[in-house]
Amino acid sequence: MTQTINLKVYGQLVAEVKPKIIETEDEYEQFLAVAERLTFQQNQTPEESALYDLVTMLVETYEIQHYEIDRASPSEVLQHIIESSGIDRTELVKIFGSSESLAQVLAGTRSIDPDRAQVLANRFKLSPKIFLQLE
């Protein structure tokens, strides 16, 4: 289901961020910072979610054109999220069922099952594929 957005509020957000095709590394860093801020913001409004989608698309397009990116392992992705968001590990322990399970995932000795990948994806507004070990 598509959420209804308030065009006036969305317009104000767009006016603040001024999204455009990214042409320089400085612009890339600027839009990446906006995307990261929105990624870790809880309770996004529909307008913020729409802006996040737009900015993320611009960032991803720039990355595809300018960077050869090796795929990070699910444990590396989760570790990065913990470090960059300041999330309380107790929230993740609830997702994984125990601190031992979380530690094993972070160490890369245990994979993330599809159900937990979906919970993490919903929590961090990412694709569940990023949390799954792909062959």
C-alpha atoms as a PDB file:
ATOM      1  CA  MET A   1       0.000   0.000   0.000  1.00  0.00           C
ATOM      2  CA  THR A   2       1.303   3.430  -0.933  1.00  0.00           C
ATOM      3  CA  GLN A   3       1.329   5.974   1.842  1.00  0.00           C
ATOM      4  CA  THR A   4      -0.229   9.353   1.211  1.00  0.00           C
ATOM      5  CA  ILE A   5       2.226  12.172   1.580  1.00  0.00           C
ATOM      6  CA  ASN A   6       1.589  15.790   2.379  1.00  0.00           C
ATOM      7  CA  LEU A   7       2.982  17.578  -0.670  1.00  0.00           C
ATOM      8  CA  LYS A   8       3.591  20.813   1.226  1.00  0.00           C
ATOM      9  CA  VAL A   9       5.680  19.037   3.886  1.00  0.00           C
ATOM     10  CA  TYR A  10       7.461  16.961   1.229  1.00  0.00           C
ATOM     11  CA  GLY A  11       8.166  20.117  -0.769  1.00  0.00           C
ATOM     12  CA  GLN A  12       9.737  21.729   2.289  1.00  0.00           C
ATOM     13  CA  LEU A  13      11.989  18.696   2.817  1.00  0.00           C
ATOM     14  CA  VAL A  14      12.980  18.673  -0.851  1.00  0.00           C
ATOM     15  CA  ALA A  15      13.710  22.403  -0.686  1.00  0.00           C
ATOM     16  CA  GLU A  16      16.028  21.808   2.293  1.00  0.00           C
ATOM     17  CA  VAL A  17      17.934  18.901   0.722  1.00  0.00           C
ATOM     18  CA  LYS A  18      17.802  20.062  -2.920  1.00  0.00           C
ATOM     19  CA  PRO A  19      18.195  16.587  -4.452  1.00  0.00           C
ATOM     20  CA  LYS A  20      19.790  16.418  -7.906  1.00  0.00           C
ATOM     21  CA  ILE A  21      21.944  14.126 -10.006  1.00  0.00           C
ATOM     22  CA  ILE A  22      25.199  13.692  -8.057  1.00  0.00           C
ATOM     23  CA  GLU A  23      28.170  14.906 -10.083  1.00  0.00           C
ATOM     24  CA  THR A  24      30.981  15.385  -7.563  1.00  0.00           C
ATOM     25  CA  GLU A  25      32.432  13.594  -4.567  1.00  0.00           C
ATOM     26  CA  ASP A  26      31.365  16.504  -2.329  1.00  0.00           C
ATOM     27  CA  GLU A  27      27.758  16.174  -3.489  1.00  0.00           C
ATOM     28  CA  TYR A  28      27.984  12.420  -2.958  1.00  0.00           C
ATOM     29  CA  GLU A  29      29.156  12.913   0.641  1.00  0.00           C
ATOM     30  CA  GLN A  30      26.387  15.459   1.249  1.00  0.00           C
ATOM     31  CA  PHE A  31      23.613  13.159   0.011  1.00  0.00           C
ATOM     32  CA  LEU A  32      25.136  10.128   1.701  1.00  0.00           C
ATOM     33  CA  ALA A  33      24.938  11.993   5.021  1.00  0.00           C
ATOM     34  CA  VAL A  34      21.251  12.757   4.392  1.00  0.00           C
ATOM     35  CA  ALA A  35      20.560   9.105   3.529  1.00  0.00           C
ATOM     36  CA  GLU A  36      22.358   7.874   6.654  1.00  0.00           C
ATOM     37  CA  ARG A  37      20.514  10.346   8.868  1.00  0.00           C
ATOM     38  CA  LEU A  38      17.189   9.184   7.470  1.00  0.00           C
ATOM     39  CA  THR A  39      18.184   5.502   7.639  1.00  0.00           C
ATOM     40  CA  PHE A  40      18.658   5.586  11.388  1.00  0.00           C
ATOM     41  CA  GLN A  41      15.757   7.896  12.136  1.00  0.00           C
ATOM     42  CA  GLN A  42      12.994   6.023  13.870  1.00  0.00           C
ATOM     43  CA  ASN A  43       9.367   6.776  13.084  1.00  0.00           C
ATOM     44  CA  GLN A  44       9.947   8.340   9.677  1.00  0.00           C
ATOM     45  CA  THR A  45       7.066  10.349   8.336  1.00  0.00           C
ATOM     46  CA  PRO A  46       5.742   9.366   4.899  1.00  0.00           C
ATOM     47  CA  GLU A  47       7.398  12.503   3.529  1.00  0.00           C
ATOM     48  CA  GLU A  48      10.775  11.589   5.032  1.00  0.00           C
ATOM     49  CA  SER A  49      10.414   8.068   3.685  1.00  0.00           C
ATOM     50  CA  ALA A  50       9.756   9.407   0.166  1.00  0.00           C
ATOM     51  CA  LEU A  51      12.785  11.704   0.429  1.00  0.00           C
ATOM     52  CA  TYR A  52      14.883   8.792   1.698  1.00  0.00           C
ATOM     53  CA  ASP A  53      13.897   6.719  -1.340  1.00  0.00           C
ATOM     54  CA  LEU A  54      14.864   9.543  -3.696  1.00  0.00           C
ATOM     55  CA  VAL A  55      18.194  10.349  -2.032  1.00  0.00           C
ATOM     56  CA  THR A  56      19.101   6.663  -1.764  1.00  0.00           C
ATOM     57  CA  MET A  57      18.459   6.205  -5.465  1.00  0.00           C
ATOM     58  CA  LEU A  58      20.728   9.157  -6.268  1.00  0.00           C
ATOM     59  CA  VAL A  59      23.494   7.827  -3.991  1.00  0.00           C
ATOM     60  CA  GLU A  60      23.247   4.294  -5.386  1.00  0.00           C
ATOM     61  CA  THR A  61      23.364   5.575  -8.963  1.00  0.00           C
ATOM     62  CA  TYR A  62      26.518   7.565  -8.219  1.00  0.00           C
ATOM     63  CA  GLU A  63      28.124   4.565  -6.502  1.00  0.00           C
ATOM     64  CA  ILE A  64      27.375   2.264  -9.419  1.00  0.00           C
ATOM     65  CA  GLN A  65      28.932   4.745 -11.810  1.00  0.00           C
ATOM     66  CA  HIS A  66      32.006   5.622  -9.718  1.00  0.00           C
ATOM     67  CA  TYR A  67      32.848   2.768  -7.356  1.00  0.00           C
ATOM     68  CA  GLU A  68      33.487  -0.905  -7.665  1.00  0.00           C
ATOM     69  CA  ILE A  69      31.990  -2.101  -4.416  1.00  0.00           C
ATOM     70  CA  ASP A  70      32.740  -5.516  -2.957  1.00  0.00           C
ATOM     71  CA  ARG A  71      29.761  -7.016  -1.203  1.00  0.00           C
ATOM     72  CA  ALA A  72      30.132  -6.877   2.563  1.00  0.00           C
ATOM     73  CA  SER A  73      29.291  -9.973   4.570  1.00  0.00           C
ATOM     74  CA  PRO A  74      26.086  -9.879   6.630  1.00  0.00           C
ATOM     75  CA  SER A  75      28.153  -9.764   9.832  1.00  0.00           C
ATOM     76  CA  GLU A  76      30.128  -6.777   8.495  1.00  0.00           C
ATOM     77  CA  VAL A  77      26.904  -5.006   7.559  1.00  0.00           C
ATOM     78  CA  LEU A  78      25.430  -5.584  11.005  1.00  0.00           C
ATOM     79  CA  GLN A  79      28.646  -4.479  12.714  1.00  0.00           C
ATOM     80  CA  HIS A  80      28.666  -1.281  10.639  1.00  0.00           C
ATOM     81  CA  ILE A  81      25.053  -0.568  11.570  1.00  0.00           C
ATOM     82  CA  ILE A  82      25.872  -1.016  15.258  1.00  0.00           C
ATOM     83  CA  GLU A  83      28.896   1.284  15.058  1.00  0.00           C
ATOM     84  CA  SER A  84      27.315   3.997  12.953  1.00  0.00           C
ATOM     85  CA  SER A  85      23.859   4.108  14.527  1.00  0.00           C
ATOM     86  CA  GLY A  86      24.724   3.690  18.184  1.00  0.00           C
ATOM     87  CA  ILE A  87      21.916   1.150  18.479  1.00  0.00           C
ATOM     88  CA  ASP A  88      21.576  -0.482  21.861  1.00  0.00           C
ATOM     89  CA  ARG A  89      22.739  -4.102  21.561  1.00  0.00           C
ATOM     90  CA  THR A  90      19.883  -5.230  23.797  1.00  0.00           C
ATOM     91  CA  GLU A  91      17.539  -4.467  20.890  1.00  0.00           C
ATOM     92  CA  LEU A  92      19.572  -6.828  18.707  1.00  0.00           C
ATOM     93  CA  VAL A  93      19.739  -9.478  21.438  1.00  0.00           C
ATOM     94  CA  LYS A  94      15.923  -9.481  21.405  1.00  0.00           C
ATOM     95  CA  ILE A  95      15.996 -10.074  17.642  1.00  0.00           C
ATOM     96  CA  PHE A  96      18.566 -12.890  17.858  1.00  0.00           C
ATOM     97  CA  GLY A  97      17.229 -14.463  21.047  1.00  0.00           C
ATOM     98  CA  SER A  98      20.459 -14.337  23.053  1.00  0.00           C
ATOM     99  CA  SER A  99      23.689 -12.406  23.352  1.00  0.00           C
ATOM    100  CA  GLU A 100      25.547 -15.594  22.354  1.00  0.00           C
ATOM    101  CA  SER A 101      23.630 -15.837  19.071  1.00  0.00           C
ATOM    102  CA  LEU A 102      24.313 -12.157  18.353  1.00  0.00           C
ATOM    103  CA  ALA A 103      28.011 -12.621  19.133  1.00  0.00           C
ATOM    104  CA  GLN A 104      28.198 -15.605  16.774  1.00  0.00           C
ATOM    105  CA  VAL A 105      26.561 -13.617  13.967  1.00  0.00           C
ATOM    106  CA  LEU A 106      28.904 -10.679  14.526  1.00  0.00           C
ATOM    107  CA  ALA A 107      31.896 -13.039  14.517  1.00  0.00           C
ATOM    108  CA  GLY A 108      30.709 -14.502  11.228  1.00  0.00           C
ATOM    109  CA  THR A 109      30.424 -18.026  12.643  1.00  0.00           C
ATOM    110  CA  ARG A 110      26.638 -18.090  12.415  1.00  0.00           C
ATOM    111  CA  SER A 111      24.481 -16.954   9.527  1.00  0.00           C
ATOM    112  CA  ILE A 112      21.361 -14.831   9.784  1.00  0.00           C
ATOM    113  CA  ASP A 113      18.231 -16.810   8.959  1.00  0.00           C
ATOM    114  CA  PRO A 114      15.673 -15.341   6.528  1.00  0.00           C
ATOM    115  CA  ASP A 115      13.150 -14.485   9.264  1.00  0.00           C
ATOM    116  CA  ARG A 116      15.696 -12.483  11.271  1.00  0.00           C
ATOM    117  CA  ALA A 117      16.987 -10.892   8.056  1.00  0.00           C
ATOM    118  CA  GLN A 118      13.455  -9.614   7.412  1.00  0.00           C
ATOM    119  CA  VAL A 119      13.145  -8.241  10.967  1.00  0.00           C
ATOM    120  CA  LEU A 120      16.495  -6.442  10.579  1.00  0.00           C
ATOM    121  CA  ALA A 121      15.504  -5.163   7.135  1.00  0.00           C
ATOM    122  CA  ASN A 122      12.278  -3.726   8.513  1.00  0.00           C
ATOM    123  CA  ARG A 123      14.064  -2.157  11.485  1.00  0.00           C
ATOM    124  CA  PHE A 124      16.801  -0.499   9.413  1.00  0.00           C
ATOM    125  CA  LYS A 125      14.785   0.094   6.222  1.00  0.00           C
ATOM    126  CA  LEU A 126      17.108  -2.042   4.093  1.00  0.00           C
ATOM    127  CA  SER A 127      16.698  -5.008   1.807  1.00  0.00           C
ATOM    128  CA  PRO A 128      16.700  -8.340   3.668  1.00  0.00           C
ATOM    129  CA  LYS A 129      19.196  -9.593   1.058  1.00  0.00           C
ATOM    130  CA  ILE A 130      21.922  -7.492   2.678  1.00  0.00           C
ATOM    131  CA  PHE A 131      21.645  -9.662   5.796  1.00  0.00           C
ATOM    132  CA  LEU A 132      21.713 -12.994   3.978  1.00  0.00           C
ATOM    133  CA  GLN A 133      24.809 -14.877   2.876  1.00  0.00           C
ATOM    134  CA  LEU A 134      24.479 -15.155  -0.886  1.00  0.00           C
ATOM    135  CA  GLU A 135      26.394 -17.767  -2.824  1.00  0.00           C
END
